[in-house]
């Protein structure tokens, strides 16, 4: 009995000191600020960010008013502007603040809407292939999570590698990069993770990155932009052009099979 009282006293004393010291805020390295709907790769959805927020404050004994203030302090841009439109009293309630955010930024993603975003995803200017591929992986994971039935989820998982590889190859910004990615896909015949690994190794190689051979689409002229490989310097422009055209013709034959697979994939996605 005395031991229980001693433990209760120690807990009460600990709470007293925590209150006396006051809440100094969440360390900046534990929680990023929420701006609104994701615009760039890696930005969290509202649901993801709220999970991180709750985890970050779980170690503190905060009142509802303190939770609301801390939450608002970690909002910026459109998200903060939306919350500041609330009456001052409502801004002191964590649940009311969250409801306001969910109304504007927490609309539930459907598998169909995410599928549209996925199949229209393209590498942006200044975005690396690593970032672009992570964006595709994240979108596909959200599609699986948004599936309403086990059958839909199973179908998405079965089509995962083909869907990711196709969009990775098709969504690259530069034509010559798209061609190289397709070549890697055809050569490896593995999973998306295999293709991604080979691609990142290839384009992170300084000797490979220095080589910039751009092939104009629709059968236009092939223009050599830059060639850093010493062996290629010894070859004439005609030899380089002839070899690239020969490789392209060979790959086009293989792409016919891939095109058929893509059409099958689109049909299956529409049927989901």
C-alpha atoms as a PDB file:
ATOM      1  CA  UNK A   1       0.000   0.000   0.000  1.00  0.00           C
ATOM      2  CA  UNK A   2       2.799   2.371   0.944  1.00  0.00           C
ATOM      3  CA  UNK A   3       4.598   1.469  -2.290  1.00  0.00           C
ATOM      4  CA  UNK A   4       1.495   2.304  -4.353  1.00  0.00           C
ATOM      5  CA  UNK A   5       1.177   5.671  -2.613  1.00  0.00           C
ATOM      6  CA  UNK A   6       4.843   6.342  -3.293  1.00  0.00           C
ATOM      7  CA  UNK A   7       4.386   5.579  -7.003  1.00  0.00           C
ATOM      8  CA  UNK A   8       1.317   7.826  -7.148  1.00  0.00           C
ATOM      9  CA  UNK A   9       3.251  10.627  -5.506  1.00  0.00           C
ATOM     10  CA  UNK A  10       6.136  10.249  -7.939  1.00  0.00           C
ATOM     11  CA  UNK A  11       3.765  10.338 -10.919  1.00  0.00           C
ATOM     12  CA  UNK A  12       2.001  13.425  -9.529  1.00  0.00           C
ATOM     13  CA  UNK A  13       5.365  15.111  -9.012  1.00  0.00           C
ATOM     14  CA  UNK A  14       6.439  14.253 -12.564  1.00  0.00           C
ATOM     15  CA  UNK A  15       3.243  15.751 -13.966  1.00  0.00           C
ATOM     16  CA  UNK A  16       3.771  18.864 -11.846  1.00  0.00           C
ATOM     17  CA  UNK A  17       7.261  19.414 -13.215  1.00  0.00           C
ATOM     18  CA  UNK A  18       6.113  18.813 -16.806  1.00  0.00           C
ATOM     19  CA  UNK A  19       3.393  21.420 -16.351  1.00  0.00           C
ATOM     20  CA  UNK A  20       5.756  23.827 -14.627  1.00  0.00           C
ATOM     21  CA  UNK A  21       8.314  23.602 -17.418  1.00  0.00           C
ATOM     22  CA  UNK A  22       5.615  24.115 -20.036  1.00  0.00           C
ATOM     23  CA  UNK A  23       5.337  22.676 -23.528  1.00  0.00           C
ATOM     24  CA  UNK A  24       8.183  24.009 -25.636  1.00  0.00           C
ATOM     25  CA  UNK A  25       6.864  22.709 -28.936  1.00  0.00           C
ATOM     26  CA  UNK A  26       7.642  19.759 -31.206  1.00  0.00           C
ATOM     27  CA  UNK A  27      11.283  19.612 -32.338  1.00  0.00           C
ATOM     28  CA  UNK A  28      11.498  20.825 -35.941  1.00  0.00           C
ATOM     29  CA  UNK A  29      13.166  17.595 -37.073  1.00  0.00           C
ATOM     30  CA  UNK A  30      10.212  15.461 -35.895  1.00  0.00           C
ATOM     31  CA  UNK A  31       7.377  16.955 -37.942  1.00  0.00           C
ATOM     32  CA  UNK A  32       7.269  18.859 -41.219  1.00  0.00           C
ATOM     33  CA  UNK A  33       4.698  21.604 -41.718  1.00  0.00           C
ATOM     34  CA  UNK A  34       1.549  20.797 -43.655  1.00  0.00           C
ATOM     35  CA  UNK A  35       0.727  23.018 -46.638  1.00  0.00           C
ATOM     36  CA  UNK A  36      -2.265  21.323 -48.237  1.00  0.00           C
ATOM     37  CA  UNK A  37      -2.908  18.753 -50.946  1.00  0.00           C
ATOM     38  CA  UNK A  38       0.378  17.111 -52.104  1.00  0.00           C
ATOM     39  CA  UNK A  39       1.946  18.954 -55.035  1.00  0.00           C
ATOM     40  CA  UNK A  40       5.426  17.440 -55.105  1.00  0.00           C
ATOM     41  CA  UNK A  41       6.817  13.916 -54.671  1.00  0.00           C
ATOM     42  CA  UNK A  42       7.222  13.015 -51.020  1.00  0.00           C
ATOM     43  CA  UNK A  43       4.653  15.468 -49.670  1.00  0.00           C
ATOM     44  CA  UNK A  44       2.205  13.726 -47.285  1.00  0.00           C
ATOM     45  CA  UNK A  45      -1.555  13.596 -47.604  1.00  0.00           C
ATOM     46  CA  UNK A  46      -3.594  15.093 -44.763  1.00  0.00           C
ATOM     47  CA  UNK A  47      -4.258  11.633 -43.295  1.00  0.00           C
ATOM     48  CA  UNK A  48      -0.552  10.767 -43.379  1.00  0.00           C
ATOM     49  CA  UNK A  49       0.438  14.094 -41.843  1.00  0.00           C
ATOM     50  CA  UNK A  50      -2.147  13.824 -39.043  1.00  0.00           C
ATOM     51  CA  UNK A  51      -0.778  10.379 -38.162  1.00  0.00           C
ATOM     52  CA  UNK A  52       2.703  11.910 -37.884  1.00  0.00           C
ATOM     53  CA  UNK A  53       1.332  14.823 -35.838  1.00  0.00           C
ATOM     54  CA  UNK A  54      -0.396  12.523 -33.345  1.00  0.00           C
ATOM     55  CA  UNK A  55       2.737  10.431 -33.001  1.00  0.00           C
ATOM     56  CA  UNK A  56       4.863  13.546 -32.451  1.00  0.00           C
ATOM     57  CA  UNK A  57       2.678  14.847 -29.592  1.00  0.00           C
ATOM     58  CA  UNK A  58       2.005  11.457 -28.027  1.00  0.00           C
ATOM     59  CA  UNK A  59       4.823  11.926 -25.533  1.00  0.00           C
ATOM     60  CA  UNK A  60       3.358  15.140 -24.166  1.00  0.00           C
ATOM     61  CA  UNK A  61       0.353  15.652 -21.912  1.00  0.00           C
ATOM     62  CA  UNK A  62      -1.394  18.448 -23.778  1.00  0.00           C
ATOM     63  CA  UNK A  63      -4.802  19.965 -23.283  1.00  0.00           C
ATOM     64  CA  UNK A  64      -7.177  20.189 -26.240  1.00  0.00           C
ATOM     65  CA  UNK A  65      -6.344  23.894 -26.588  1.00  0.00           C
ATOM     66  CA  UNK A  66      -2.587  23.170 -26.597  1.00  0.00           C
ATOM     67  CA  UNK A  67      -3.037  20.442 -29.217  1.00  0.00           C
ATOM     68  CA  UNK A  68      -5.004  22.830 -31.442  1.00  0.00           C
ATOM     69  CA  UNK A  69      -2.372  25.567 -31.077  1.00  0.00           C
ATOM     70  CA  UNK A  70       0.469  23.145 -31.817  1.00  0.00           C
ATOM     71  CA  UNK A  71      -1.358  21.837 -34.861  1.00  0.00           C
ATOM     72  CA  UNK A  72      -1.971  25.340 -36.214  1.00  0.00           C
ATOM     73  CA  UNK A  73       1.671  26.273 -35.576  1.00  0.00           C
ATOM     74  CA  UNK A  74       2.639  23.457 -37.965  1.00  0.00           C
ATOM     75  CA  UNK A  75       0.439  24.652 -40.828  1.00  0.00           C
ATOM     76  CA  UNK A  76       1.578  26.896 -43.673  1.00  0.00           C
ATOM     77  CA  UNK A  77       0.170  28.173 -46.950  1.00  0.00           C
ATOM     78  CA  UNK A  78      -3.406  27.279 -47.940  1.00  0.00           C
ATOM     79  CA  UNK A  79      -3.856  24.954 -44.944  1.00  0.00           C
ATOM     80  CA  UNK A  80      -3.102  27.687 -42.435  1.00  0.00           C
ATOM     81  CA  UNK A  81      -5.178  30.247 -44.336  1.00  0.00           C
ATOM     82  CA  UNK A  82      -8.158  27.891 -44.193  1.00  0.00           C
ATOM     83  CA  UNK A  83      -7.879  27.401 -40.440  1.00  0.00           C
ATOM     84  CA  UNK A  84      -7.446  31.141 -39.803  1.00  0.00           C
ATOM     85  CA  UNK A  85     -10.883  31.645 -41.363  1.00  0.00           C
ATOM     86  CA  UNK A  86     -12.394  29.856 -38.349  1.00  0.00           C
ATOM     87  CA  UNK A  87     -13.708  31.872 -35.397  1.00  0.00           C
ATOM     88  CA  UNK A  88     -11.088  32.298 -32.699  1.00  0.00           C
ATOM     89  CA  UNK A  89     -12.974  30.032 -30.303  1.00  0.00           C
ATOM     90  CA  UNK A  90     -13.108  27.211 -32.878  1.00  0.00           C
ATOM     91  CA  UNK A  91      -9.362  27.481 -33.386  1.00  0.00           C
ATOM     92  CA  UNK A  92      -8.918  26.367 -29.775  1.00  0.00           C
ATOM     93  CA  UNK A  93     -10.480  22.964 -30.483  1.00  0.00           C
ATOM     94  CA  UNK A  94      -8.265  20.309 -32.064  1.00  0.00           C
ATOM     95  CA  UNK A  95     -11.219  18.367 -33.489  1.00  0.00           C
ATOM     96  CA  UNK A  96     -12.743  21.500 -35.054  1.00  0.00           C
ATOM     97  CA  UNK A  97      -9.427  22.453 -36.667  1.00  0.00           C
ATOM     98  CA  UNK A  98      -9.021  18.925 -38.067  1.00  0.00           C
ATOM     99  CA  UNK A  99     -12.581  18.955 -39.428  1.00  0.00           C
ATOM    100  CA  UNK A 100     -11.836  22.196 -41.289  1.00  0.00           C
ATOM    101  CA  UNK A 101      -8.694  20.695 -42.794  1.00  0.00           C
ATOM    102  CA  UNK A 102     -10.474  17.485 -43.782  1.00  0.00           C
ATOM    103  CA  UNK A 103     -13.202  19.458 -45.508  1.00  0.00           C
ATOM    104  CA  UNK A 104     -10.692  21.058 -47.892  1.00  0.00           C
ATOM    105  CA  UNK A 105      -7.755  18.660 -48.027  1.00  0.00           C
ATOM    106  CA  UNK A 106      -8.998  15.320 -46.745  1.00  0.00           C
ATOM    107  CA  UNK A 107     -11.283  14.146 -49.525  1.00  0.00           C
ATOM    108  CA  UNK A 108     -10.971  10.385 -49.863  1.00  0.00           C
ATOM    109  CA  UNK A 109      -9.026   9.231 -52.884  1.00  0.00           C
ATOM    110  CA  UNK A 110     -10.758   6.683 -55.076  1.00  0.00           C
ATOM    111  CA  UNK A 111      -8.942   3.967 -56.946  1.00  0.00           C
ATOM    112  CA  UNK A 112     -10.195   5.459 -60.214  1.00  0.00           C
ATOM    113  CA  UNK A 113      -8.990   9.001 -59.463  1.00  0.00           C
ATOM    114  CA  UNK A 114      -5.609   7.751 -58.304  1.00  0.00           C
ATOM    115  CA  UNK A 115      -5.387   5.562 -61.409  1.00  0.00           C
ATOM    116  CA  UNK A 116      -5.908   8.644 -63.586  1.00  0.00           C
ATOM    117  CA  UNK A 117      -3.151  10.504 -61.748  1.00  0.00           C
ATOM    118  CA  UNK A 118      -0.854   7.472 -62.007  1.00  0.00           C
ATOM    119  CA  UNK A 119      -1.291   6.968 -65.755  1.00  0.00           C
ATOM    120  CA  UNK A 120      -0.776  10.704 -66.412  1.00  0.00           C
ATOM    121  CA  UNK A 121       2.308  11.039 -64.218  1.00  0.00           C
ATOM    122  CA  UNK A 122       5.360  12.433 -65.985  1.00  0.00           C
ATOM    123  CA  UNK A 123       8.819  13.412 -64.819  1.00  0.00           C
ATOM    124  CA  UNK A 124       8.938  17.148 -64.148  1.00  0.00           C
ATOM    125  CA  UNK A 125      11.756  19.488 -65.094  1.00  0.00           C
ATOM    126  CA  UNK A 126      14.497  19.209 -62.506  1.00  0.00           C
ATOM    127  CA  UNK A 127      13.029  16.017 -61.036  1.00  0.00           C
ATOM    128  CA  UNK A 128      15.408  13.061 -60.880  1.00  0.00           C
ATOM    129  CA  UNK A 129      14.489   9.576 -62.048  1.00  0.00           C
ATOM    130  CA  UNK A 130      14.802   8.413 -58.437  1.00  0.00           C
ATOM    131  CA  UNK A 131      12.231  10.983 -57.290  1.00  0.00           C
ATOM    132  CA  UNK A 132       9.925  10.219 -60.225  1.00  0.00           C
ATOM    133  CA  UNK A 133      10.064   6.474 -59.569  1.00  0.00           C
ATOM    134  CA  UNK A 134       9.304   7.035 -55.879  1.00  0.00           C
ATOM    135  CA  UNK A 135       6.289   9.107 -56.862  1.00  0.00           C
ATOM    136  CA  UNK A 136       5.000   6.220 -58.998  1.00  0.00           C
ATOM    137  CA  UNK A 137       5.563   3.718 -56.177  1.00  0.00           C
ATOM    138  CA  UNK A 138       3.703   5.938 -53.738  1.00  0.00           C
ATOM    139  CA  UNK A 139       0.783   6.436 -56.125  1.00  0.00           C
ATOM    140  CA  UNK A 140       0.480   2.727 -56.765  1.00  0.00           C
ATOM    141  CA  UNK A 141       0.532   1.973 -53.039  1.00  0.00           C
ATOM    142  CA  UNK A 142      -2.272   4.496 -52.541  1.00  0.00           C
ATOM    143  CA  UNK A 143      -4.256   2.819 -55.332  1.00  0.00           C
ATOM    144  CA  UNK A 144      -3.946  -0.538 -53.565  1.00  0.00           C
ATOM    145  CA  UNK A 145      -4.949   1.040 -50.249  1.00  0.00           C
ATOM    146  CA  UNK A 146      -7.976   2.683 -51.903  1.00  0.00           C
ATOM    147  CA  UNK A 147      -9.222  -0.593 -53.395  1.00  0.00           C
ATOM    148  CA  UNK A 148     -12.711  -1.366 -52.095  1.00  0.00           C
ATOM    149  CA  UNK A 149     -12.601  -5.132 -52.584  1.00  0.00           C
ATOM    150  CA  UNK A 150     -10.040  -7.891 -52.173  1.00  0.00           C
ATOM    151  CA  UNK A 151     -10.412  -8.677 -55.869  1.00  0.00           C
ATOM    152  CA  UNK A 152      -9.464  -5.125 -56.865  1.00  0.00           C
ATOM    153  CA  UNK A 153      -6.508  -5.146 -54.493  1.00  0.00           C
ATOM    154  CA  UNK A 154      -5.316  -8.510 -55.806  1.00  0.00           C
ATOM    155  CA  UNK A 155      -5.600  -7.363 -59.432  1.00  0.00           C
ATOM    156  CA  UNK A 156      -3.581  -4.213 -58.743  1.00  0.00           C
ATOM    157  CA  UNK A 157      -0.852  -6.219 -57.033  1.00  0.00           C
ATOM    158  CA  UNK A 158      -0.719  -8.693 -59.922  1.00  0.00           C
ATOM    159  CA  UNK A 159      -0.372  -5.844 -62.435  1.00  0.00           C
ATOM    160  CA  UNK A 160       2.049  -3.864 -60.257  1.00  0.00           C
ATOM    161  CA  UNK A 161       5.307  -4.522 -62.086  1.00  0.00           C
ATOM    162  CA  UNK A 162       3.886  -4.092 -65.593  1.00  0.00           C
ATOM    163  CA  UNK A 163       2.059  -0.884 -64.659  1.00  0.00           C
ATOM    164  CA  UNK A 164       5.046   0.652 -62.894  1.00  0.00           C
ATOM    165  CA  UNK A 165       7.536  -0.309 -65.613  1.00  0.00           C
ATOM    166  CA  UNK A 166       5.330   1.020 -68.378  1.00  0.00           C
ATOM    167  CA  UNK A 167       4.666   4.366 -66.708  1.00  0.00           C
ATOM    168  CA  UNK A 168       8.307   4.717 -65.648  1.00  0.00           C
ATOM    169  CA  UNK A 169       9.451   4.250 -69.248  1.00  0.00           C
ATOM    170  CA  UNK A 170       6.664   6.356 -70.744  1.00  0.00           C
ATOM    171  CA  UNK A 171       6.802   9.173 -68.188  1.00  0.00           C
ATOM    172  CA  UNK A 172      10.497  10.011 -68.392  1.00  0.00           C
ATOM    173  CA  UNK A 173      11.056  13.576 -69.574  1.00  0.00           C
ATOM    174  CA  UNK A 174      13.753  13.068 -72.233  1.00  0.00           C
ATOM    175  CA  UNK A 175      13.117  10.940 -75.358  1.00  0.00           C
ATOM    176  CA  UNK A 176      16.567   9.366 -75.201  1.00  0.00           C
ATOM    177  CA  UNK A 177      16.013   8.440 -71.541  1.00  0.00           C
ATOM    178  CA  UNK A 178      12.679   6.839 -72.423  1.00  0.00           C
ATOM    179  CA  UNK A 179      14.420   4.779 -75.059  1.00  0.00           C
ATOM    180  CA  UNK A 180      17.137   3.669 -72.631  1.00  0.00           C
ATOM    181  CA  UNK A 181      14.581   2.729 -70.000  1.00  0.00           C
ATOM    182  CA  UNK A 182      12.661   0.652 -72.518  1.00  0.00           C
ATOM    183  CA  UNK A 183      15.893  -1.056 -73.524  1.00  0.00           C
ATOM    184  CA  UNK A 184      16.597  -1.883 -69.857  1.00  0.00           C
ATOM    185  CA  UNK A 185      13.061  -3.227 -69.456  1.00  0.00           C
ATOM    186  CA  UNK A 186      13.437  -5.502 -72.449  1.00  0.00           C
ATOM    187  CA  UNK A 187      16.920  -6.634 -71.411  1.00  0.00           C
ATOM    188  CA  UNK A 188      16.211  -7.402 -67.754  1.00  0.00           C
ATOM    189  CA  UNK A 189      12.710  -8.897 -68.138  1.00  0.00           C
ATOM    190  CA  UNK A 190      12.480  -8.592 -64.374  1.00  0.00           C
ATOM    191  CA  UNK A 191      10.392  -6.721 -61.840  1.00  0.00           C
ATOM    192  CA  UNK A 192       9.982  -2.972 -61.643  1.00  0.00           C
ATOM    193  CA  UNK A 193      12.480  -2.936 -58.779  1.00  0.00           C
ATOM    194  CA  UNK A 194      15.031  -4.632 -61.058  1.00  0.00           C
ATOM    195  CA  UNK A 195      14.457  -2.088 -63.842  1.00  0.00           C
ATOM    196  CA  UNK A 196      14.603   0.830 -61.403  1.00  0.00           C
ATOM    197  CA  UNK A 197      17.870  -0.410 -59.896  1.00  0.00           C
ATOM    198  CA  UNK A 198      19.506  -0.820 -63.315  1.00  0.00           C
ATOM    199  CA  UNK A 199      18.251   2.604 -64.435  1.00  0.00           C
ATOM    200  CA  UNK A 200      19.545   4.414 -61.360  1.00  0.00           C
ATOM    201  CA  UNK A 201      22.915   2.699 -61.675  1.00  0.00           C
ATOM    202  CA  UNK A 202      23.095   3.627 -65.355  1.00  0.00           C
ATOM    203  CA  UNK A 203      22.114   7.272 -65.032  1.00  0.00           C
ATOM    204  CA  UNK A 204      24.205   7.822 -61.905  1.00  0.00           C
ATOM    205  CA  UNK A 205      27.322   6.663 -63.781  1.00  0.00           C
ATOM    206  CA  UNK A 206      29.317   9.824 -64.757  1.00  0.00           C
ATOM    207  CA  UNK A 207      30.480   8.175 -67.983  1.00  0.00           C
ATOM    208  CA  UNK A 208      26.882   7.404 -68.931  1.00  0.00           C
ATOM    209  CA  UNK A 209      25.425  10.703 -67.791  1.00  0.00           C
ATOM    210  CA  UNK A 210      27.936  12.515 -69.996  1.00  0.00           C
ATOM    211  CA  UNK A 211      26.573  10.776 -73.055  1.00  0.00           C
ATOM    212  CA  UNK A 212      23.607  12.698 -74.494  1.00  0.00           C
ATOM    213  CA  UNK A 213      22.275  11.125 -77.656  1.00  0.00           C
ATOM    214  CA  UNK A 214      18.799  12.479 -78.405  1.00  0.00           C
ATOM    215  CA  UNK A 215      16.568  10.770 -80.932  1.00  0.00           C
ATOM    216  CA  UNK A 216      13.761  12.890 -82.345  1.00  0.00           C
ATOM    217  CA  UNK A 217      10.392  11.189 -82.382  1.00  0.00           C
ATOM    218  CA  UNK A 218       8.357  10.345 -85.472  1.00  0.00           C
ATOM    219  CA  UNK A 219      11.370   9.335 -87.519  1.00  0.00           C
ATOM    220  CA  UNK A 220      13.077  12.764 -87.552  1.00  0.00           C
ATOM    221  CA  UNK A 221      16.816  13.219 -87.668  1.00  0.00           C
ATOM    222  CA  UNK A 222      18.971  11.887 -84.875  1.00  0.00           C
ATOM    223  CA  UNK A 223      21.103  14.645 -83.344  1.00  0.00           C
ATOM    224  CA  UNK A 224      24.187  13.990 -81.303  1.00  0.00           C
ATOM    225  CA  UNK A 225      24.129  16.485 -78.457  1.00  0.00           C
ATOM    226  CA  UNK A 226      27.189  15.375 -76.489  1.00  0.00           C
ATOM    227  CA  UNK A 227      29.357  12.291 -76.320  1.00  0.00           C
ATOM    228  CA  UNK A 228      31.859  11.976 -73.490  1.00  0.00           C
ATOM    229  CA  UNK A 229      32.902   8.370 -73.950  1.00  0.00           C
ATOM    230  CA  UNK A 230      36.459   8.333 -75.314  1.00  0.00           C
ATOM    231  CA  UNK A 231      35.768   5.335 -77.548  1.00  0.00           C
ATOM    232  CA  UNK A 232      32.887   7.114 -79.253  1.00  0.00           C
ATOM    233  CA  UNK A 233      35.151  10.077 -80.073  1.00  0.00           C
ATOM    234  CA  UNK A 234      37.072   7.793 -82.391  1.00  0.00           C
ATOM    235  CA  UNK A 235      33.978   6.899 -84.357  1.00  0.00           C
ATOM    236  CA  UNK A 236      32.524   9.050 -87.057  1.00  0.00           C
ATOM    237  CA  UNK A 237      29.114  10.669 -86.616  1.00  0.00           C
ATOM    238  CA  UNK A 238      27.810   8.375 -89.344  1.00  0.00           C
ATOM    239  CA  UNK A 239      28.888   5.239 -87.457  1.00  0.00           C
ATOM    240  CA  UNK A 240      27.239   6.454 -84.251  1.00  0.00           C
ATOM    241  CA  UNK A 241      24.056   7.320 -86.120  1.00  0.00           C
ATOM    242  CA  UNK A 242      23.940   4.008 -87.950  1.00  0.00           C
ATOM    243  CA  UNK A 243      24.401   2.006 -84.778  1.00  0.00           C
ATOM    244  CA  UNK A 244      21.729   3.960 -82.894  1.00  0.00           C
ATOM    245  CA  UNK A 245      19.258   3.548 -85.760  1.00  0.00           C
ATOM    246  CA  UNK A 246      19.942  -0.165 -85.921  1.00  0.00           C
ATOM    247  CA  UNK A 247      19.326  -0.513 -82.192  1.00  0.00           C
ATOM    248  CA  UNK A 248      16.129   1.511 -82.498  1.00  0.00           C
ATOM    249  CA  UNK A 249      14.777  -0.719 -85.288  1.00  0.00           C
ATOM    250  CA  UNK A 250      15.514  -3.806 -83.213  1.00  0.00           C
ATOM    251  CA  UNK A 251      13.798  -2.324 -80.153  1.00  0.00           C
ATOM    252  CA  UNK A 252      10.750  -1.275 -82.164  1.00  0.00           C
ATOM    253  CA  UNK A 253      10.119  -4.903 -83.054  1.00  0.00           C
ATOM    254  CA  UNK A 254      10.196  -5.818 -79.369  1.00  0.00           C
ATOM    255  CA  UNK A 255       7.978  -2.869 -78.482  1.00  0.00           C
ATOM    256  CA  UNK A 256       5.127  -4.376 -80.478  1.00  0.00           C
ATOM    257  CA  UNK A 257       4.834  -7.052 -77.807  1.00  0.00           C
ATOM    258  CA  UNK A 258       5.004  -4.425 -75.057  1.00  0.00           C
ATOM    259  CA  UNK A 259       2.291  -2.360 -76.767  1.00  0.00           C
ATOM    260  CA  UNK A 260      -0.021  -5.356 -76.689  1.00  0.00           C
ATOM    261  CA  UNK A 261       0.661  -5.801 -72.973  1.00  0.00           C
ATOM    262  CA  UNK A 262      -0.064  -2.106 -72.357  1.00  0.00           C
ATOM    263  CA  UNK A 263      -3.428  -2.353 -74.101  1.00  0.00           C
ATOM    264  CA  UNK A 264      -4.289  -5.394 -71.986  1.00  0.00           C
ATOM    265  CA  UNK A 265      -3.286  -3.471 -68.866  1.00  0.00           C
ATOM    266  CA  UNK A 266      -5.471  -0.480 -69.757  1.00  0.00           C
ATOM    267  CA  UNK A 267      -8.403  -2.779 -70.450  1.00  0.00           C
ATOM    268  CA  UNK A 268      -8.022  -4.514 -67.114  1.00  0.00           C
ATOM    269  CA  UNK A 269      -7.749  -1.195 -65.241  1.00  0.00           C
ATOM    270  CA  UNK A 270     -10.954   0.085 -66.883  1.00  0.00           C
ATOM    271  CA  UNK A 271     -12.726  -3.102 -65.856  1.00  0.00           C
ATOM    272  CA  UNK A 272     -11.761  -2.665 -62.191  1.00  0.00           C
END
